[in-house]
Structures are given as structure tokens and as C-alpha cells.
Protein backbone atom coordinates (compact mmCIF):
# COMPACT_ATOMS: atom_id res chain seq x y z
CA MET A 1 -201.52 -166.03 -113.18
CA ASN A 2 -204.97 -164.77 -114.23
CA GLU A 3 -206.24 -168.35 -114.20
CA ALA A 4 -204.78 -168.71 -110.73
CA VAL A 5 -206.72 -165.67 -109.63
CA GLU A 6 -209.97 -167.24 -110.80
CA LEU A 7 -209.23 -170.61 -109.20
CA ALA A 8 -207.89 -169.33 -105.89
CA GLY A 9 -211.24 -168.87 -104.20
CA THR A 10 -211.11 -165.76 -102.07
CA ILE A 11 -213.54 -166.47 -99.25
CA ASP A 12 -214.67 -169.76 -97.74
CA SER A 13 -218.03 -170.57 -96.15
CA GLU A 14 -216.91 -168.99 -92.86
CA SER A 15 -215.96 -165.68 -94.51
CA ALA A 16 -212.22 -166.22 -94.07
CA ILE A 17 -209.30 -165.98 -96.46
CA THR A 18 -208.67 -169.44 -97.94
CA PRO A 19 -205.19 -171.02 -97.92
CA GLU A 20 -205.31 -171.19 -101.73
CA PHE A 21 -206.02 -167.49 -102.06
CA LEU A 22 -203.30 -166.63 -99.55
CA GLN A 23 -200.75 -168.68 -101.50
CA THR A 24 -201.82 -166.97 -104.73
CA VAL A 25 -201.26 -163.56 -103.15
CA LYS A 26 -197.86 -164.63 -101.84
CA ALA A 27 -196.88 -165.92 -105.29
CA ALA A 28 -197.91 -162.60 -106.85
CA LEU A 29 -195.84 -160.76 -104.25
CA GLU A 30 -192.79 -162.91 -105.00
CA ALA A 31 -193.24 -162.27 -108.72
CA GLY A 32 -193.76 -158.54 -108.16
CA SER A 33 -196.98 -158.64 -110.21
CA SER A 34 -198.71 -155.38 -109.27
CA ASP A 35 -201.59 -155.81 -111.71
CA VAL A 36 -202.32 -159.32 -110.49
CA LEU A 37 -202.24 -158.19 -106.87
CA ARG A 38 -204.66 -155.36 -107.61
CA SER A 39 -207.06 -157.76 -109.32
CA LEU A 40 -206.80 -160.21 -106.42
CA VAL A 41 -207.71 -157.68 -103.74
CA ALA A 42 -209.96 -155.37 -105.75
CA ASP A 43 -213.23 -156.98 -104.67
CA LEU A 44 -212.25 -157.82 -101.10
CA HIS A 45 -214.34 -156.34 -98.32
CA ALA A 46 -212.32 -154.10 -96.03
CA ALA A 47 -212.52 -156.64 -93.19
CA ASP A 48 -211.35 -159.46 -95.46
CA PHE A 49 -208.49 -157.35 -96.79
CA ALA A 50 -207.49 -156.64 -93.18
CA ASP A 51 -207.48 -160.40 -92.52
CA LEU A 52 -205.23 -160.88 -95.52
CA MET A 53 -202.81 -158.24 -94.24
CA GLU A 54 -202.65 -159.92 -90.84
CA LEU A 55 -201.93 -163.33 -92.39
CA LEU A 56 -198.86 -162.03 -94.22
CA ARG A 57 -195.41 -161.70 -92.71
CA ALA A 58 -194.19 -158.19 -91.96
CA ASP A 59 -191.92 -158.10 -95.04
CA GLN A 60 -194.72 -159.42 -97.29
CA ARG A 61 -197.07 -156.83 -95.84
CA SER A 62 -194.61 -154.06 -96.64
CA LYS A 63 -194.27 -155.31 -100.20
CA LEU A 64 -198.05 -155.49 -100.65
CA ILE A 65 -198.41 -151.88 -99.48
CA ALA A 66 -195.69 -150.78 -101.91
CA GLU A 67 -197.21 -152.71 -104.82
CA LEU A 68 -200.75 -151.40 -104.25
CA GLY A 69 -199.66 -147.79 -103.74
CA SER A 70 -202.65 -145.47 -104.03
CA ASP A 71 -204.97 -148.46 -104.54
CA LEU A 72 -204.56 -149.51 -100.91
CA ASN A 73 -207.96 -150.00 -99.27
CA PHE A 74 -207.95 -147.34 -96.56
CA GLU A 75 -211.11 -148.70 -94.93
CA ALA A 76 -209.18 -151.86 -94.05
CA LEU A 77 -206.80 -149.86 -91.87
CA SER A 78 -209.51 -149.41 -89.24
CA GLU A 79 -210.13 -153.19 -89.20
CA LEU A 80 -206.51 -154.14 -88.52
CA ASP A 81 -205.20 -155.51 -85.26
CA GLU A 82 -203.41 -152.77 -83.34
CA ALA A 83 -199.90 -154.20 -83.80
CA VAL A 84 -200.39 -154.69 -87.54
CA ARG A 85 -202.00 -151.28 -87.92
CA ASP A 86 -198.99 -149.62 -86.31
CA GLN A 87 -196.61 -151.37 -88.73
CA VAL A 88 -198.74 -150.46 -91.75
CA VAL A 89 -198.97 -146.81 -90.69
CA GLU A 90 -195.18 -146.70 -90.32
CA GLU A 91 -194.87 -147.88 -93.92
CA LEU A 92 -197.11 -145.12 -95.28
CA PRO A 93 -196.03 -141.53 -95.92
CA ASN A 94 -197.91 -138.89 -93.97
CA GLU A 95 -199.52 -137.60 -97.16
CA GLN A 96 -201.13 -140.99 -97.76
CA ILE A 97 -202.25 -141.28 -94.13
CA ALA A 98 -203.81 -137.83 -94.43
CA GLU A 99 -205.65 -139.00 -97.55
CA ALA A 100 -206.89 -142.05 -95.64
CA VAL A 101 -208.06 -139.88 -92.75
CA ARG A 102 -210.07 -137.70 -95.15
CA GLU A 103 -211.82 -140.76 -96.61
CA LEU A 104 -212.57 -142.56 -93.34
CA ASP A 105 -215.37 -141.86 -90.88
CA SER A 106 -214.12 -139.79 -87.98
CA ASP A 107 -214.12 -142.67 -85.47
CA ASP A 108 -212.02 -144.82 -87.82
CA ALA A 109 -209.71 -141.88 -88.49
CA VAL A 110 -209.15 -141.44 -84.75
CA TYR A 111 -208.28 -145.14 -84.45
CA LEU A 112 -205.68 -144.63 -87.16
CA LEU A 113 -204.14 -141.57 -85.53
CA GLU A 114 -204.38 -142.22 -81.81
CA ASP A 115 -201.13 -144.16 -81.31
CA LEU A 116 -198.93 -141.91 -83.45
CA ASP A 117 -196.53 -139.59 -81.68
CA ASP A 118 -197.51 -135.94 -81.33
CA ALA A 119 -195.23 -134.74 -84.13
CA GLU A 120 -196.68 -137.16 -86.69
CA GLN A 121 -200.23 -136.43 -85.55
CA SER A 122 -199.66 -132.69 -85.96
CA ASP A 123 -198.10 -133.14 -89.40
CA ILE A 124 -200.98 -135.30 -90.65
CA LEU A 125 -203.66 -133.05 -89.14
CA SER A 126 -202.03 -129.99 -90.73
CA LYS A 127 -202.76 -131.49 -94.15
CA LEU A 128 -206.51 -131.60 -93.46
CA PRO A 129 -209.16 -128.89 -93.84
CA ALA A 130 -209.58 -126.80 -90.70
CA SER A 131 -213.04 -128.16 -89.83
CA GLU A 132 -211.96 -131.80 -90.09
CA ARG A 133 -208.77 -131.06 -88.21
CA SER A 134 -210.57 -129.49 -85.27
CA GLN A 135 -213.09 -132.32 -85.04
CA LEU A 136 -210.40 -135.00 -85.01
CA GLN A 137 -208.24 -133.06 -82.55
CA ARG A 138 -211.19 -132.76 -80.19
CA SER A 139 -211.74 -136.53 -80.30
CA LEU A 140 -208.04 -137.20 -79.76
CA ASP A 141 -208.07 -134.96 -76.69
CA TYR A 142 -210.50 -137.28 -74.91
CA PRO A 143 -209.13 -140.15 -72.76
CA ASP A 144 -208.32 -143.52 -74.29
CA ASP A 145 -211.25 -145.96 -74.40
CA SER A 146 -213.75 -143.18 -73.76
CA ALA A 147 -216.93 -142.32 -75.65
CA GLY A 148 -215.11 -139.31 -77.11
CA ARG A 149 -212.63 -141.62 -78.83
CA LEU A 150 -215.39 -143.99 -79.92
CA MET A 151 -217.82 -141.44 -81.33
CA GLN A 152 -218.39 -140.26 -84.88
CA THR A 153 -218.43 -136.51 -85.30
CA GLU A 154 -220.60 -136.77 -88.42
CA PHE A 155 -224.27 -136.26 -87.55
CA ILE A 156 -227.27 -134.18 -88.59
CA ALA A 157 -228.47 -131.45 -86.23
CA VAL A 158 -231.44 -129.17 -86.90
CA PRO A 159 -233.20 -126.41 -84.93
CA PRO A 160 -236.58 -127.14 -83.31
CA PHE A 161 -238.41 -124.45 -85.33
CA TRP A 162 -237.70 -126.07 -88.70
CA SER A 163 -240.59 -127.82 -90.40
CA VAL A 164 -240.38 -131.40 -91.60
CA GLY A 165 -240.37 -130.06 -95.16
CA GLN A 166 -237.38 -127.79 -94.48
CA THR A 167 -235.55 -130.68 -92.87
CA ILE A 168 -236.15 -133.01 -95.80
CA ASP A 169 -235.05 -130.34 -98.28
CA TYR A 170 -231.92 -129.73 -96.22
CA MET A 171 -231.02 -133.44 -96.32
CA ARG A 172 -231.63 -133.56 -100.07
CA ASP A 173 -229.65 -130.43 -100.92
CA THR A 174 -226.69 -130.76 -98.54
CA GLU A 175 -223.79 -132.85 -99.80
CA ASP A 176 -221.73 -132.92 -96.61
CA LEU A 177 -223.91 -135.35 -94.63
CA PRO A 178 -223.10 -138.71 -93.00
CA ASN A 179 -223.19 -141.67 -95.37
CA ALA A 180 -225.70 -143.44 -93.13
CA PHE A 181 -227.87 -142.23 -90.27
CA GLY A 182 -230.97 -143.31 -88.41
CA GLN A 183 -232.01 -140.16 -86.59
CA LEU A 184 -231.62 -136.39 -86.52
CA PHE A 185 -230.75 -134.41 -83.42
CA VAL A 186 -232.49 -131.23 -82.36
CA VAL A 187 -230.26 -128.54 -80.87
CA ASP A 188 -230.46 -124.91 -79.77
CA PRO A 189 -228.20 -122.19 -81.28
CA THR A 190 -225.35 -123.16 -78.91
CA TYR A 191 -225.63 -126.85 -79.86
CA HIS A 192 -227.13 -127.92 -76.55
CA LEU A 193 -229.10 -131.11 -77.12
CA ILE A 194 -232.87 -130.70 -76.99
CA GLY A 195 -234.20 -133.88 -78.55
CA ALA A 196 -234.00 -136.34 -81.43
CA VAL A 197 -236.21 -137.43 -84.31
CA ARG A 198 -236.04 -140.86 -85.92
CA LEU A 199 -235.75 -140.81 -89.69
CA ASP A 200 -238.86 -142.94 -90.14
CA ARG A 201 -240.84 -140.38 -88.10
CA ILE A 202 -239.64 -137.62 -90.43
CA LEU A 203 -240.71 -139.55 -93.54
CA ARG A 204 -244.16 -140.31 -92.14
CA THR A 205 -245.00 -136.78 -91.04
CA LYS A 206 -246.60 -133.99 -93.13
CA ARG A 207 -244.22 -131.30 -94.38
CA PRO A 208 -245.72 -128.33 -92.44
CA VAL A 209 -245.31 -130.00 -89.02
CA LEU A 210 -242.53 -128.51 -86.88
CA VAL A 211 -239.65 -130.71 -85.77
CA GLU A 212 -240.22 -129.81 -82.10
CA GLY A 213 -243.71 -131.35 -82.37
CA ILE A 214 -242.40 -134.83 -83.26
CA MET A 215 -239.06 -134.97 -81.46
CA GLU A 216 -238.33 -137.26 -78.54
CA GLU A 217 -237.07 -135.37 -75.50
CA GLU A 218 -236.11 -138.36 -73.36
CA LEU A 219 -232.61 -139.15 -74.60
CA ARG A 220 -229.85 -141.41 -73.32
CA ALA A 221 -227.08 -138.90 -73.85
CA ILE A 222 -223.59 -140.22 -73.18
CA PRO A 223 -220.84 -138.05 -71.61
CA ALA A 224 -217.80 -137.87 -73.87
CA THR A 225 -215.51 -138.93 -71.02
CA LEU A 226 -217.53 -142.07 -70.15
CA ASP A 227 -215.56 -145.33 -70.42
CA GLN A 228 -216.41 -147.35 -73.53
CA GLU A 229 -217.32 -150.40 -71.42
CA GLU A 230 -220.01 -148.36 -69.67
CA VAL A 231 -221.16 -147.08 -73.08
CA ALA A 232 -221.63 -150.67 -74.25
CA ARG A 233 -223.50 -151.49 -71.06
CA ARG A 234 -225.96 -148.64 -71.67
CA PHE A 235 -226.58 -149.80 -75.24
CA GLU A 236 -227.33 -153.30 -73.99
CA ARG A 237 -229.47 -152.15 -71.07
CA TYR A 238 -231.61 -149.67 -72.98
CA ASP A 239 -231.66 -151.38 -76.42
CA LEU A 240 -229.99 -148.45 -78.16
CA TYR A 241 -228.79 -148.45 -81.77
CA GLU A 242 -227.46 -144.90 -81.76
CA ALA A 243 -226.80 -142.44 -78.93
CA PRO A 244 -225.75 -138.78 -78.78
CA VAL A 245 -222.46 -137.84 -77.10
CA VAL A 246 -222.25 -134.59 -75.15
CA ASP A 247 -219.32 -132.66 -73.68
CA GLU A 248 -219.02 -131.27 -70.15
CA ASP A 249 -221.31 -128.35 -71.13
CA GLU A 250 -224.01 -130.73 -72.43
CA ARG A 251 -223.34 -129.71 -76.04
CA LEU A 252 -223.72 -132.30 -78.79
CA VAL A 253 -220.28 -133.33 -80.09
CA GLY A 254 -220.89 -136.69 -81.76
CA ILE A 255 -222.76 -139.98 -81.84
CA VAL A 256 -221.98 -143.57 -80.94
CA THR A 257 -223.49 -146.25 -83.17
CA VAL A 258 -224.22 -149.89 -82.44
CA ASP A 259 -221.59 -151.23 -84.86
CA ASP A 260 -218.87 -149.55 -82.79
CA VAL A 261 -220.43 -150.88 -79.58
CA VAL A 262 -220.39 -154.45 -80.91
CA GLU A 263 -216.63 -154.08 -81.38
CA VAL A 264 -216.28 -152.72 -77.84
CA ILE A 265 -218.24 -155.64 -76.37
CA GLN A 266 -216.02 -158.12 -78.20
CA GLU A 267 -212.89 -156.21 -77.26
CA GLU A 268 -213.78 -155.99 -73.56
CA ALA A 269 -214.80 -159.66 -73.34
CA GLU A 270 -211.58 -160.69 -75.08
CA GLU A 271 -209.59 -158.48 -72.73
CA ASP A 272 -211.14 -160.11 -69.64
CA ILE A 273 -210.49 -163.61 -70.97
CA LYS A 274 -206.87 -162.81 -71.75
CA ARG A 275 -206.28 -161.19 -68.40
CA LEU A 276 -207.71 -164.22 -66.61
CA GLY A 277 -205.12 -166.26 -68.49
CA GLY A 278 -202.35 -163.81 -67.65
CA VAL A 279 -201.59 -162.73 -71.23
CA GLY A 280 -202.74 -159.10 -70.98
CA ASP A 281 -203.42 -157.44 -74.32
CA GLU A 282 -201.45 -160.03 -76.29
CA SER A 283 -202.38 -160.31 -79.95
CA ILE A 284 -202.17 -163.20 -82.41
CA SER A 285 -199.94 -161.04 -84.59
CA ASP A 286 -197.39 -160.23 -81.85
CA THR A 287 -193.76 -161.30 -82.21
CA VAL A 288 -192.15 -164.11 -80.20
CA LEU A 289 -190.08 -161.64 -78.17
CA ARG A 290 -193.07 -159.46 -77.33
CA ILE A 291 -195.19 -162.45 -76.29
CA SER A 292 -192.38 -163.89 -74.16
CA GLN A 293 -191.86 -160.58 -72.37
CA ARG A 294 -195.55 -160.18 -71.58
CA ARG A 295 -195.96 -163.71 -70.26
CA PHE A 296 -192.76 -163.71 -68.20
CA ALA A 297 -194.05 -161.59 -65.30
CA TRP A 298 -197.20 -163.68 -64.89
CA LEU A 299 -195.24 -166.94 -64.98
CA LEU A 300 -192.79 -165.52 -62.44
CA VAL A 301 -195.66 -164.75 -60.05
CA ASN A 302 -197.04 -168.26 -60.54
CA LEU A 303 -193.60 -169.70 -59.80
CA ALA A 304 -193.56 -167.80 -56.51
CA THR A 305 -197.00 -169.14 -55.53
CA ALA A 306 -195.96 -172.68 -56.49
CA ILE A 307 -192.92 -172.38 -54.21
CA LEU A 308 -195.21 -171.20 -51.40
CA ALA A 309 -197.45 -174.24 -51.88
CA SER A 310 -194.41 -176.53 -51.94
CA SER A 311 -193.19 -175.02 -48.68
CA VAL A 312 -196.45 -176.17 -47.06
CA ILE A 313 -195.76 -179.70 -48.28
CA SER A 314 -192.25 -179.55 -46.84
CA LEU A 315 -193.75 -179.01 -43.36
CA PHE A 316 -195.16 -182.53 -43.54
CA ASP A 317 -192.23 -184.36 -45.15
CA ALA A 318 -191.99 -186.79 -42.23
CA THR A 319 -195.71 -187.58 -42.49
CA ILE A 320 -195.45 -188.19 -46.24
CA ALA A 321 -192.42 -190.45 -45.70
CA GLN A 322 -194.49 -192.73 -43.47
CA MET A 323 -197.28 -193.18 -46.05
CA VAL A 324 -196.54 -192.89 -49.77
CA ALA A 325 -200.27 -192.80 -50.51
CA LEU A 326 -200.37 -189.21 -49.23
CA ALA A 327 -198.01 -188.08 -51.99
CA VAL A 328 -200.19 -189.85 -54.55
CA LEU A 329 -203.49 -188.35 -53.38
CA MET A 330 -202.63 -184.82 -52.24
CA PRO A 331 -202.50 -183.24 -55.77
CA ILE A 332 -206.12 -184.33 -56.27
CA VAL A 333 -207.39 -182.19 -53.41
CA ALA A 334 -205.51 -179.07 -54.54
CA SER A 335 -206.43 -179.59 -58.19
CA MET A 336 -210.15 -180.04 -57.51
CA GLY A 337 -210.18 -176.94 -55.30
CA GLY A 338 -208.37 -174.92 -57.94
CA ASN A 339 -210.77 -175.98 -60.70
CA ALA A 340 -213.85 -175.34 -58.57
CA GLY A 341 -212.51 -171.94 -57.54
CA THR A 342 -211.75 -171.03 -61.15
CA GLN A 343 -215.33 -171.82 -62.15
CA THR A 344 -216.68 -169.50 -59.48
CA MET A 345 -214.06 -166.82 -60.16
CA THR A 346 -214.80 -166.75 -63.91
CA VAL A 347 -218.51 -166.17 -63.29
CA ALA A 348 -217.80 -163.56 -60.60
CA VAL A 349 -215.28 -161.58 -62.69
CA ARG A 350 -217.64 -161.44 -65.66
CA ALA A 351 -220.58 -160.48 -63.41
CA LEU A 352 -218.51 -157.64 -61.93
CA ALA A 353 -217.54 -156.46 -65.40
CA THR A 354 -221.16 -156.33 -66.52
CA LYS A 355 -222.32 -154.82 -63.19
CA GLU A 356 -224.55 -157.83 -62.51
CA LEU A 357 -222.67 -158.36 -59.25
CA GLY A 358 -222.53 -155.45 -56.81
CA PRO A 359 -223.15 -154.39 -53.20
CA VAL A 360 -226.88 -155.08 -53.52
CA ASN A 361 -226.55 -158.82 -54.21
CA ALA A 362 -222.97 -159.57 -53.09
CA ARG A 363 -224.00 -161.31 -49.83
CA ARG A 364 -226.54 -163.51 -51.59
CA ILE A 365 -224.00 -164.56 -54.23
CA VAL A 366 -221.32 -165.33 -51.62
CA THR A 367 -223.81 -167.44 -49.64
CA ARG A 368 -224.89 -169.25 -52.80
CA GLU A 369 -221.30 -170.11 -53.74
CA ALA A 370 -220.60 -171.37 -50.21
CA ILE A 371 -223.62 -173.69 -50.45
CA VAL A 372 -222.50 -174.86 -53.92
CA GLY A 373 -219.07 -175.58 -52.42
CA ILE A 374 -220.66 -177.64 -49.65
CA VAL A 375 -222.83 -179.63 -52.08
CA ASN A 376 -220.01 -180.37 -54.51
CA GLY A 377 -217.63 -180.92 -51.63
CA VAL A 378 -219.84 -183.61 -50.09
CA VAL A 379 -220.39 -185.35 -53.43
CA PHE A 380 -216.73 -185.44 -54.41
CA ALA A 381 -215.63 -186.23 -50.87
CA ILE A 382 -217.71 -189.41 -50.99
CA ILE A 383 -216.40 -190.30 -54.44
CA LEU A 384 -212.76 -189.70 -53.53
CA ALA A 385 -213.08 -191.49 -50.18
CA GLY A 386 -214.35 -194.56 -52.02
CA VAL A 387 -211.45 -194.36 -54.50
CA ALA A 388 -208.93 -194.07 -51.64
CA VAL A 389 -210.39 -197.05 -49.77
CA LEU A 390 -210.44 -199.24 -52.88
CA TRP A 391 -206.99 -198.10 -53.97
CA PHE A 392 -205.08 -198.25 -50.70
CA GLY A 393 -207.39 -200.32 -48.48
CA SER A 394 -207.49 -197.71 -45.68
CA THR A 395 -210.79 -196.40 -44.31
CA LYS A 396 -209.00 -193.75 -42.25
CA LEU A 397 -207.20 -192.46 -45.33
CA GLY A 398 -210.55 -192.27 -47.12
CA LEU A 399 -212.02 -190.19 -44.29
CA VAL A 400 -208.98 -187.87 -44.23
CA ILE A 401 -209.10 -187.11 -47.94
CA ALA A 402 -212.91 -186.73 -47.82
CA ALA A 403 -212.64 -184.12 -45.06
CA ALA A 404 -209.84 -182.29 -46.87
CA MET A 405 -211.83 -182.28 -50.10
CA LEU A 406 -214.90 -180.84 -48.36
CA VAL A 407 -212.85 -178.08 -46.72
CA ASN A 408 -211.06 -177.10 -49.92
CA MET A 409 -214.21 -177.09 -52.06
CA ILE A 410 -215.94 -174.74 -49.60
CA VAL A 411 -212.88 -172.48 -49.49
CA ALA A 412 -212.68 -172.51 -53.30
CA GLY A 413 -216.32 -171.49 -53.63
CA LEU A 414 -216.03 -168.70 -51.07
CA PHE A 415 -212.74 -167.23 -52.22
CA GLY A 416 -213.64 -167.68 -55.89
CA VAL A 417 -216.20 -164.91 -55.39
CA LEU A 418 -214.69 -163.02 -52.43
CA ILE A 419 -211.33 -162.35 -54.10
CA PRO A 420 -212.79 -160.66 -57.23
CA ILE A 421 -215.19 -158.61 -55.06
CA ALA A 422 -212.38 -157.50 -52.75
CA LEU A 423 -210.08 -156.57 -55.63
CA ASP A 424 -212.89 -154.66 -57.32
CA ARG A 425 -213.55 -152.71 -54.10
CA LEU A 426 -209.82 -151.86 -53.91
CA GLY A 427 -209.87 -150.52 -57.47
CA ILE A 428 -207.79 -153.42 -58.85
CA ASP A 429 -208.96 -155.18 -62.01
CA PRO A 430 -210.15 -158.60 -60.74
CA ALA A 431 -209.52 -160.16 -64.14
CA ILE A 432 -205.79 -159.57 -63.73
CA ALA A 433 -205.05 -160.61 -60.16
CA SER A 434 -207.82 -162.99 -59.06
CA SER A 435 -206.38 -166.23 -60.41
CA VAL A 436 -202.99 -165.77 -58.69
CA PHE A 437 -204.56 -165.29 -55.26
CA LEU A 438 -207.12 -168.03 -55.78
CA THR A 439 -204.58 -170.63 -56.95
CA THR A 440 -202.36 -169.86 -53.98
CA ILE A 441 -205.22 -170.19 -51.48
CA THR A 442 -206.66 -173.44 -52.89
CA ASP A 443 -203.19 -175.03 -53.13
CA VAL A 444 -202.13 -174.00 -49.64
CA VAL A 445 -205.46 -174.91 -48.02
CA GLY A 446 -205.70 -178.17 -49.95
CA PHE A 447 -202.22 -179.36 -49.02
CA PHE A 448 -202.44 -178.11 -45.44
CA ALA A 449 -205.88 -179.62 -44.79
CA PHE A 450 -205.02 -183.02 -46.26
CA LEU A 451 -201.55 -183.40 -44.78
CA GLY A 452 -202.53 -181.78 -41.45
CA LEU A 453 -205.52 -184.08 -40.98
CA ALA A 454 -203.39 -187.05 -42.01
CA ALA A 455 -200.77 -186.14 -39.38
CA ILE A 456 -203.49 -185.95 -36.71
CA TRP A 457 -205.64 -188.97 -37.61
CA LEU A 458 -203.27 -191.48 -39.17
CA PHE A 459 -200.18 -191.24 -36.99
């Protein structure tokens, strides 16, 4: 088995667990070889170990946790997908979770604790020192997805009257400091934020100089209750790498760092993409039953809209019976409108999420999309009219489908941006509901325009 460990190859060129390594781990689990398992995972980065955990079945994961015991990499717990993390935490005794919480940074510890029920949270927190317990409890009291949940409570704060020399000596002599930091914060006796000093500025300044003489007073302080998406937006807008977090009394309570913000950006973008597809917060590690339940409601809504579109077709059944070509061509109009609308909607939803689209430029964007709809509508109307004439030998049919295509492309462009804006104004997440409304409108308008014009011009 030791030779297998050497030959397995842990990480490939894309920093992912290789199939060979995964099979070696599974074989060690089947054999119950604790020592081999420990040697296999000993040098794994926390993120890679988390990937390994997610690739295993639930029963294999449980066995790995049992085999590793106290050698379990606690840092990996904060890297796990939410569903997998919940299962792993259920497998661990509260004493071991408390040990993990003590070892992790406060933001990672909060991630580990936040979905536990109140009784388990209280039991685990009771096993921690009072200072750590109060800090974590304060973070847990903030709303989900807020800066208070995202922040680290480990930071360095100094008074303005300290000299640079005193500050350096304090950092050298104090053991209970953050493992990594880029700046120090200047506070008054009640911990109200006064300013900040970058670490490089400290190291380049003479020892007798006072901290207040080199601190920066213009800070981008973040309210603890601010939504994490807005936090990420501020980091991107103002090129921040670290920002102080303040409570309702403007007292310093923590910091948000860029590594956490990168995760938020990825998380929010992924959330928008999934919602546009109607899969909510579905995860790759979810069970079949859970996935089916989450997709059912969305598919049911789409079934209802499909029935509505079909009812429009039924209004023109006599017209369709007189010319089979209508049945052949009508899906093209609806499909092109739906695709064009989806293109516009995707851009609009993302622009709303990033605040690039708002009341100031909404009219200009709507006008632009209408013009784009006209341009594309004319181009594809000409193309489709030519196809219809060549295919069915009817100039009138070509003109009908060209007119219907132009109408539906304009409608798709307009409603592709108007629907997300309207939903956003109503306080409804446009990523969730936009596609249902848009598909319904483009299908209904496409079918109605094509079949209605055909009934008027061809018969």
C-alpha cells in the first residue's frame, strides 16, 4: 500500500484530486488502513482535502472521519460545500468541533457554527474561553450573509498616542495576534475607529514618531449589517484589500479581507447563474431527492407557461389546418425571440446585481436594447423570409414570418431588460423570476404575431 501511496499522484496540473489518488484513498478506507490514510492526506492543502471529502460518498466520508480521528484537518471544514459540511459536523462530537473552532480563524469558525441549532451552538460555545465565546456569539448574532458574519474578529488596534517604537514592540511581544495582517487600526478608549496605518508605513517610519502622525483618516468602514454582496462591490470599486467593520455605534468589531471577498464574489455570481436556470442554491453534492424537489416547482411553473403558449396556438387551429407550413415555421419565431430575450435578460440581471444598471441609465439601456432588437429583427427577418420562400415557394408566407420575427425580436429586446428592472423595483430578485415571464411573453407574442398575421394576410 505504501508503494500505492507514492504512485497515486495526489494533485494534477489543474490542482484537483486525481482519479488514481481517489481510488487509493477508497482502497485504504475499504481495508481500514488508518496509517495509510493518514499518510495519504497528511500533506494535502486544506482546500484539496475538502475536495477529497466532497468526492467521497457519505458512508466513505464518515469512515474517513472516524479513521483520521484527531488528525482530521480542521481547516478543510471551512472549505467544504455547505451540504457536505453539515454532514461532517453531524459526525463529529461537540468536543472536537469546539477544538476546531479554537484553531480556526473567527470567520471560518462562524461558518462552521452558523447552521447548527441553538442547543448545539450553545454547547460548543460553552467549551470555549469567555473572550472567544463572546466574539463568536457577536458574529453569529448578525444577519446571514452580512459583513458581521463575514468578518474576522482578530485584528490589531492601537491608541493614537503610541509611538511607532511602542507599536513595534507590542507586535513583537504579544503572542495573541492575528497570523497575518496588513494594517493596524487606530482607536480611542471606547474602540471608536479613528484611522489606520499600513504595516509598510510602520516599518519605514522612525521609532519616536507617533501613530497619529502617520495614520490614514479616510477609511472605507463597513457597517456590520451590510449585505456581503455590497461589501464585495465596495472592495471592487475602491480597490480594497482589507476593510474595518463597525457596529451601529461606529465601534471597530472586526475586519473583512480580500480572500473572503473573492469567495463572496464567486458565491454571488454562482447564485445568480443558478437562479437564472431555476435551480436555486442547488449543490453538486446534493442528493437525488433534494435536487428533484428543488427543480420541481420551477418545472411546474414552466409547464404552466407552456400550456398558456399552447392555448394561443389553439386559437388558430383552423388557420394551421389550411397551411401545414405554419406549423413547421412557427417554433422558429418563438425560439429566436426567446433566445434573443435571454441574451438581453442575462446582461440586465448581472448589471442590476453589480449596480451598473439603475435609474440613472435605465432609459438609455432600454432604448439601446430596443434598437438592437430592431437591427437583429430586420436581419433575421430577411434571412427567414428567404428560407420560407425557398422552402415553401410562397412570397406571402415569407413576408408574414418576416414581420412576425421583427415584432418578436423587438419585444424580446425590450422585455429582456424591462422585466428585470420591474422585478428589481418591486423588491423581487430578477434572477429568480425573469426567465419565466420572458419565456411566456416571447412565446405568446411570437405565436400570436405569426399566426395572427397569417390569418389576416394568407386567408
